[in-house]
N, C-alpha and C. Protein backbone atom coordinates (compact mmCIF):
# COMPACT_ATOMS: atom_id res chain seq x y z
N MET A 1 -42.63 95.01 101.15
CA MET A 1 -41.39 95.39 101.92
C MET A 1 -40.89 94.31 102.99
N LEU A 2 -42.06 93.94 103.63
CA LEU A 2 -41.77 92.79 104.89
C LEU A 2 -41.04 91.63 104.03
N LEU A 3 -41.73 91.18 102.99
CA LEU A 3 -41.14 89.89 102.45
C LEU A 3 -39.61 90.24 101.90
N GLY A 4 -39.32 91.44 101.40
CA GLY A 4 -38.12 91.83 100.92
C GLY A 4 -37.07 91.83 102.02
N SER A 5 -37.55 92.37 103.09
CA SER A 5 -36.60 92.44 104.20
C SER A 5 -36.26 91.07 104.81
N LEU A 6 -37.33 90.12 104.96
CA LEU A 6 -37.09 88.91 105.45
C LEU A 6 -36.18 88.04 104.43
N LEU A 7 -36.30 88.25 103.12
CA LEU A 7 -35.52 87.57 102.18
C LEU A 7 -34.06 88.06 102.22
N THR A 8 -33.81 89.34 102.49
CA THR A 8 -32.55 89.86 102.80
C THR A 8 -31.84 89.31 103.82
N LEU A 9 -32.46 89.17 104.98
CA LEU A 9 -32.02 88.79 106.26
C LEU A 9 -31.60 87.29 106.14
N LEU A 10 -32.61 86.54 105.52
CA LEU A 10 -32.44 85.06 105.24
C LEU A 10 -31.21 84.92 104.28
N SER A 11 -31.00 85.77 103.21
CA SER A 11 -29.90 85.54 102.49
C SER A 11 -28.51 85.65 103.02
N LEU A 12 -28.58 86.40 104.16
CA LEU A 12 -27.15 86.47 104.94
C LEU A 12 -26.72 85.18 105.60
N LEU A 13 -27.62 84.33 105.68
CA LEU A 13 -27.37 82.85 106.32
C LEU A 13 -26.33 82.10 105.40
N ILE A 14 -26.28 82.37 104.12
CA ILE A 14 -25.35 81.69 103.27
C ILE A 14 -23.90 82.04 103.75
N PHE A 15 -23.55 83.17 104.51
CA PHE A 15 -22.44 83.49 104.99
C PHE A 15 -21.94 82.94 106.23
N ILE A 16 -22.64 82.12 106.90
CA ILE A 16 -22.24 81.63 108.05
C ILE A 16 -20.95 80.74 107.84
N ASN A 17 -20.15 80.63 108.79
CA ASN A 17 -18.84 80.19 108.67
C ASN A 17 -18.74 78.70 108.16
N PRO A 18 -19.61 77.81 108.52
CA PRO A 18 -19.63 76.42 108.02
C PRO A 18 -19.90 76.49 106.60
N ILE A 19 -20.61 77.28 105.99
CA ILE A 19 -20.95 77.30 104.46
C ILE A 19 -19.83 77.93 103.83
N ARG A 20 -19.58 79.18 104.20
CA ARG A 20 -18.35 79.85 103.46
C ARG A 20 -17.15 79.18 103.48
N ARG A 21 -16.80 78.34 104.47
CA ARG A 21 -15.59 77.57 104.55
C ARG A 21 -15.68 76.55 103.19
N ARG A 22 -16.81 76.02 102.87
CA ARG A 22 -16.93 74.97 101.83
C ARG A 22 -17.11 75.62 100.54
N VAL A 23 -17.62 76.86 100.51
CA VAL A 23 -17.82 77.45 99.01
C VAL A 23 -16.89 78.69 99.06
N SER A 24 -15.90 78.54 98.13
CA SER A 24 -15.04 79.56 98.00
C SER A 24 -15.39 80.99 97.64
N ILE A 25 -16.43 80.93 96.70
CA ILE A 25 -16.96 82.20 96.18
C ILE A 25 -17.65 82.93 97.41
N LEU A 26 -18.38 82.21 98.22
CA LEU A 26 -18.96 82.79 99.27
C LEU A 26 -17.99 83.47 100.28
N ALA A 27 -16.94 82.74 100.52
CA ALA A 27 -15.78 83.26 101.31
C ALA A 27 -15.17 84.52 100.77
N MET A 28 -15.08 84.71 99.50
CA MET A 28 -14.69 85.74 98.78
C MET A 28 -15.64 86.89 99.00
N MET A 29 -16.95 86.61 98.66
CA MET A 29 -17.98 87.55 98.95
C MET A 29 -18.02 88.16 100.44
N PHE A 30 -17.87 87.25 101.37
CA PHE A 30 -17.85 87.70 102.66
C PHE A 30 -16.81 88.78 103.05
N LEU A 31 -15.68 88.44 102.32
CA LEU A 31 -14.45 89.39 102.70
C LEU A 31 -14.75 90.71 102.05
N SER A 32 -15.72 90.95 101.24
CA SER A 32 -16.05 92.28 100.61
C SER A 32 -16.74 93.19 101.63
N PHE A 33 -17.38 92.58 102.67
CA PHE A 33 -17.91 93.44 103.72
C PHE A 33 -17.38 93.18 105.03
N ASP A 34 -16.51 92.09 105.23
CA ASP A 34 -15.89 91.81 106.47
C ASP A 34 -14.86 92.79 106.90
N ARG A 35 -15.06 93.71 107.71
CA ARG A 35 -14.02 94.68 108.22
C ARG A 35 -13.43 94.21 109.48
N PRO A 36 -12.10 94.37 109.60
CA PRO A 36 -11.31 93.78 110.87
C PRO A 36 -11.94 94.37 112.06
N GLU A 37 -12.32 95.62 112.15
CA GLU A 37 -12.86 96.22 113.45
C GLU A 37 -14.20 95.49 113.78
N ASP A 38 -14.80 94.71 112.76
CA ASP A 38 -16.18 94.29 113.17
C ASP A 38 -15.98 92.76 113.57
N ARG A 39 -14.80 92.16 113.37
CA ARG A 39 -14.63 90.63 113.75
C ARG A 39 -14.73 90.50 115.23
N PRO A 40 -15.19 89.48 115.75
CA PRO A 40 -15.73 88.24 115.08
C PRO A 40 -17.21 88.39 114.94
N TYR A 41 -17.82 89.48 114.86
CA TYR A 41 -19.26 89.87 114.87
C TYR A 41 -19.79 90.36 113.67
N THR A 42 -19.18 90.27 112.60
CA THR A 42 -19.42 90.89 111.26
C THR A 42 -20.77 90.55 110.85
N LEU A 43 -21.17 89.32 110.92
CA LEU A 43 -22.66 88.98 110.47
C LEU A 43 -23.62 89.62 111.56
N LEU A 44 -23.33 89.48 112.71
CA LEU A 44 -24.33 89.80 113.75
C LEU A 44 -24.53 91.35 113.68
N TRP A 45 -23.34 92.19 113.46
CA TRP A 45 -23.67 93.43 113.25
C TRP A 45 -24.43 93.81 111.87
N LEU A 46 -24.06 93.11 110.85
CA LEU A 46 -24.78 93.40 109.59
C LEU A 46 -26.28 92.99 109.69
N ILE A 47 -26.61 91.91 110.36
CA ILE A 47 -28.05 91.49 110.57
C ILE A 47 -28.66 92.49 111.42
N THR A 48 -28.08 93.01 112.70
CA THR A 48 -28.82 93.86 113.42
C THR A 48 -28.87 95.32 112.77
N GLN A 49 -27.95 95.68 111.84
CA GLN A 49 -28.15 97.01 111.27
C GLN A 49 -29.21 96.88 110.18
N PHE A 50 -29.26 95.69 109.40
CA PHE A 50 -30.43 95.66 108.48
C PHE A 50 -31.83 95.61 109.25
N MET A 51 -31.92 94.80 110.40
CA MET A 51 -33.20 94.73 111.08
C MET A 51 -33.59 96.09 111.48
N GLY A 52 -32.56 96.87 112.11
CA GLY A 52 -32.79 98.21 112.51
C GLY A 52 -33.27 99.11 111.50
N SER A 53 -32.55 98.98 110.41
CA SER A 53 -32.99 99.80 109.08
C SER A 53 -34.38 99.56 108.66
N TYR A 54 -34.78 98.21 108.60
CA TYR A 54 -36.03 98.00 108.21
C TYR A 54 -37.04 98.28 109.13
N ILE A 55 -36.78 98.29 110.38
CA ILE A 55 -37.98 98.74 111.40
C ILE A 55 -38.20 100.23 111.22
N VAL A 56 -36.98 101.08 111.19
CA VAL A 56 -37.20 102.47 110.90
C VAL A 56 -37.87 102.70 109.63
N LEU A 57 -37.42 102.19 108.56
CA LEU A 57 -37.99 102.23 107.23
C LEU A 57 -39.58 102.01 107.21
N ALA A 58 -39.88 100.99 107.93
CA ALA A 58 -41.32 100.60 107.89
C ALA A 58 -42.25 101.67 108.83
N ILE A 59 -41.58 102.16 109.92
CA ILE A 59 -42.38 103.20 110.59
C ILE A 59 -42.29 104.55 109.72
N VAL A 60 -41.35 104.88 109.20
CA VAL A 60 -41.22 106.23 108.41
C VAL A 60 -42.10 106.00 107.19
N SER A 61 -42.10 104.89 106.61
CA SER A 61 -42.99 104.69 105.36
C SER A 61 -44.45 104.99 105.74
N ILE A 62 -44.86 104.36 106.93
CA ILE A 62 -46.18 104.50 107.48
C ILE A 62 -46.54 105.97 107.52
N TYR A 63 -45.73 106.73 108.28
CA TYR A 63 -45.96 108.11 108.51
C TYR A 63 -46.02 108.98 107.20
N LEU A 64 -44.92 108.74 106.34
CA LEU A 64 -44.95 109.42 105.12
C LEU A 64 -46.17 109.11 104.19
N ALA A 65 -46.61 107.89 104.19
CA ALA A 65 -47.82 107.47 103.34
C ALA A 65 -49.03 108.22 103.72
N LYS A 66 -49.23 108.64 105.17
CA LYS A 66 -50.12 109.57 105.59
C LYS A 66 -50.32 110.72 104.88
N TYR A 67 -49.16 111.29 104.49
CA TYR A 67 -49.08 112.68 103.92
C TYR A 67 -48.77 112.55 102.38
N ASN A 68 -48.85 111.41 101.96
CA ASN A 68 -48.63 111.11 100.41
C ASN A 68 -47.23 111.61 100.00
N ALA A 69 -46.13 111.28 100.85
CA ALA A 69 -44.85 111.88 100.70
C ALA A 69 -43.66 110.78 100.61
N LEU A 70 -44.19 109.63 100.22
CA LEU A 70 -43.26 108.50 100.24
C LEU A 70 -41.99 108.71 99.38
N GLY A 71 -41.92 109.56 98.41
CA GLY A 71 -40.70 109.76 97.68
C GLY A 71 -39.62 110.37 98.59
N LEU A 72 -39.93 110.95 99.66
CA LEU A 72 -38.96 111.47 100.64
C LEU A 72 -38.12 110.34 101.13
N LEU A 73 -38.54 109.11 101.01
CA LEU A 73 -37.65 107.84 101.57
C LEU A 73 -36.49 107.75 100.74
N SER A 74 -36.45 108.20 99.60
CA SER A 74 -35.22 108.12 98.74
C SER A 74 -34.06 109.02 99.33
N ILE A 75 -34.34 110.06 99.95
CA ILE A 75 -33.31 110.95 100.39
C ILE A 75 -32.27 110.10 101.32
N PRO A 76 -32.80 109.54 102.47
CA PRO A 76 -31.68 108.72 103.38
C PRO A 76 -31.19 107.49 102.68
N ILE A 77 -32.00 106.94 101.80
CA ILE A 77 -31.47 105.87 101.09
C ILE A 77 -30.32 106.16 100.26
N LEU A 78 -30.45 107.27 99.49
CA LEU A 78 -29.45 107.56 98.54
C LEU A 78 -28.24 108.14 99.22
N ILE A 79 -28.44 109.01 100.35
CA ILE A 79 -27.34 109.47 101.00
C ILE A 79 -26.56 108.35 101.66
N ASN A 80 -27.27 107.34 102.19
CA ASN A 80 -26.48 106.33 102.74
C ASN A 80 -25.79 105.36 101.69
N GLY A 81 -26.58 105.16 100.61
CA GLY A 81 -25.89 104.27 99.73
C GLY A 81 -24.78 104.89 98.87
N ILE A 82 -25.01 106.03 98.31
CA ILE A 82 -23.92 106.81 97.68
C ILE A 82 -22.88 107.32 98.48
N GLY A 83 -23.33 108.19 99.46
CA GLY A 83 -22.38 108.99 100.27
C GLY A 83 -21.55 108.14 101.23
N ASP A 84 -22.29 107.23 102.03
CA ASP A 84 -21.35 106.51 102.81
C ASP A 84 -20.57 105.39 102.13
N GLY A 85 -21.24 105.01 100.80
CA GLY A 85 -20.35 104.05 99.98
C GLY A 85 -19.16 104.71 99.40
N LEU A 86 -19.16 105.90 99.05
CA LEU A 86 -17.98 106.47 98.59
C LEU A 86 -17.08 107.15 99.66
N ALA A 87 -17.43 107.31 100.90
CA ALA A 87 -16.78 107.89 102.12
C ALA A 87 -15.46 107.14 102.18
N GLU A 88 -15.55 105.85 102.34
CA GLU A 88 -14.46 104.99 102.67
C GLU A 88 -13.24 105.28 101.56
N PRO A 89 -13.60 104.89 100.08
CA PRO A 89 -12.60 104.94 99.17
C PRO A 89 -11.94 106.49 99.06
N VAL A 90 -12.94 107.44 99.13
CA VAL A 90 -12.38 108.77 99.11
C VAL A 90 -11.50 109.11 100.31
N GLY A 91 -11.95 108.69 101.50
CA GLY A 91 -11.11 108.93 102.70
C GLY A 91 -9.83 108.13 102.54
N ILE A 92 -9.79 106.97 102.15
CA ILE A 92 -8.53 106.24 101.95
C ILE A 92 -7.66 106.98 100.79
N ARG A 93 -8.16 107.25 99.68
CA ARG A 93 -7.35 107.77 98.75
C ARG A 93 -6.85 109.40 99.00
N PHE A 94 -7.88 110.21 99.47
CA PHE A 94 -7.60 111.62 99.73
C PHE A 94 -7.44 112.02 100.97
N GLY A 95 -7.85 111.21 102.05
CA GLY A 95 -7.86 111.64 103.35
C GLY A 95 -6.54 112.02 103.93
N LYS A 96 -6.42 113.21 104.28
CA LYS A 96 -5.16 113.77 104.82
C LYS A 96 -5.34 114.46 106.16
N HIS A 97 -6.57 114.75 106.55
CA HIS A 97 -6.97 115.39 107.80
C HIS A 97 -7.82 114.40 108.68
N HIS A 98 -7.27 113.81 109.65
CA HIS A 98 -8.03 112.87 110.42
C HIS A 98 -8.51 113.22 111.88
N TYR A 99 -9.51 112.57 112.19
CA TYR A 99 -10.13 112.77 113.71
C TYR A 99 -10.53 111.48 114.06
N GLN A 100 -10.81 111.40 115.49
CA GLN A 100 -11.15 110.25 116.09
C GLN A 100 -12.69 110.49 116.52
N THR A 101 -13.41 109.25 116.39
CA THR A 101 -14.70 109.21 117.01
C THR A 101 -15.05 107.87 117.65
N ARG A 102 -16.11 107.86 118.34
CA ARG A 102 -16.46 106.62 119.12
C ARG A 102 -17.74 106.05 118.32
N ALA A 103 -17.87 104.75 118.46
CA ALA A 103 -18.94 103.98 117.83
C ALA A 103 -20.07 104.13 118.98
N LEU A 104 -21.47 104.03 118.56
CA LEU A 104 -22.38 103.90 119.51
C LEU A 104 -22.26 102.64 120.44
N PHE A 105 -22.67 102.82 121.76
CA PHE A 105 -22.54 101.65 122.70
C PHE A 105 -21.28 101.13 122.85
N THR A 106 -20.21 101.71 122.62
CA THR A 106 -18.82 101.19 122.82
C THR A 106 -17.72 102.33 123.11
N GLY A 107 -16.88 102.07 123.61
CA GLY A 107 -15.85 102.95 124.02
C GLY A 107 -14.58 103.02 122.87
N LYS A 108 -14.88 102.15 121.90
CA LYS A 108 -13.74 101.93 120.91
C LYS A 108 -13.72 103.27 120.02
N LYS A 109 -12.50 103.62 119.68
CA LYS A 109 -12.31 104.79 118.95
C LYS A 109 -11.92 104.46 117.59
N TYR A 110 -12.47 105.24 116.44
CA TYR A 110 -12.17 104.95 115.12
C TYR A 110 -11.56 106.21 114.52
N ILE A 111 -10.72 106.06 113.46
CA ILE A 111 -10.12 107.20 112.89
C ILE A 111 -10.86 107.27 111.70
N ARG A 112 -11.38 108.55 111.32
CA ARG A 112 -12.02 108.95 110.15
C ARG A 112 -11.35 110.14 109.42
N SER A 113 -11.62 110.39 108.32
CA SER A 113 -11.05 111.59 107.62
C SER A 113 -12.02 112.66 107.37
N ILE A 114 -11.70 113.83 107.37
CA ILE A 114 -12.60 114.96 106.99
C ILE A 114 -12.95 114.93 105.58
N GLU A 115 -12.20 114.41 104.82
CA GLU A 115 -12.51 114.33 103.18
C GLU A 115 -13.58 113.26 103.18
N GLY A 116 -13.30 112.08 103.88
CA GLY A 116 -14.37 110.93 103.61
C GLY A 116 -15.77 111.57 104.23
N SER A 117 -15.75 112.14 105.20
CA SER A 117 -16.91 112.73 106.00
C SER A 117 -17.43 113.70 105.05
N ALA A 118 -16.79 114.64 104.31
CA ALA A 118 -17.20 115.65 103.42
C ALA A 118 -17.94 114.93 102.24
N CYS A 119 -17.49 113.69 101.87
CA CYS A 119 -18.08 113.19 100.81
C CYS A 119 -19.68 112.83 101.17
N VAL A 120 -19.86 112.44 102.25
CA VAL A 120 -21.22 112.32 102.79
C VAL A 120 -21.97 113.47 102.94
N PHE A 121 -21.35 114.59 103.26
CA PHE A 121 -21.97 115.89 103.46
C PHE A 121 -22.40 116.34 102.25
N ILE A 122 -21.57 116.24 101.16
CA ILE A 122 -21.71 116.79 99.82
C ILE A 122 -22.89 116.18 99.20
N THR A 123 -22.87 114.68 99.35
CA THR A 123 -23.76 113.90 98.72
C THR A 123 -25.10 114.21 99.30
N SER A 124 -25.25 114.48 100.55
CA SER A 124 -26.48 114.92 101.34
C SER A 124 -27.16 116.16 100.70
N ILE A 125 -26.11 117.24 100.56
CA ILE A 125 -26.65 118.34 99.92
C ILE A 125 -27.15 118.19 98.43
N LEU A 126 -26.40 117.48 97.64
CA LEU A 126 -26.76 117.17 96.32
C LEU A 126 -28.12 116.42 96.23
N VAL A 127 -28.25 115.38 97.08
CA VAL A 127 -29.47 114.53 97.04
C VAL A 127 -30.62 115.44 97.38
N ILE A 128 -30.49 116.13 98.43
CA ILE A 128 -31.64 117.01 98.96
C ILE A 128 -32.01 118.09 97.90
N TYR A 129 -30.97 118.59 97.28
CA TYR A 129 -31.16 119.73 96.33
C TYR A 129 -31.99 118.99 95.06
N TYR A 130 -31.48 118.01 94.56
CA TYR A 130 -32.18 117.43 93.43
C TYR A 130 -33.32 116.54 93.76
């Protein structure tokens, strides 16, 4: 797990500006996760998010291993991967009821839709149920 997390973090280095300016496919790949509200810190936010996730994952893995319950790790991973991954396209396509929320550690407000948030909620229920 440690090796995988280090390789993931190192693989993000190919997206630094001097490299992606020279390699057009990397520039296009970068655009797939570069959100306007994250600029100019897109890579920094992504790297810190991955690092935080791996630290929490390692601690929870150690705890769950004590109780022979490592399978429970799939719950937050699936909810985040499926629910959060679908929330944006669902919110953009079907979102008609909007609300504002703030990000952690900043006063910046973001607009979200109840439909996109419901996608995460429904995914959570389904993942936990199955």
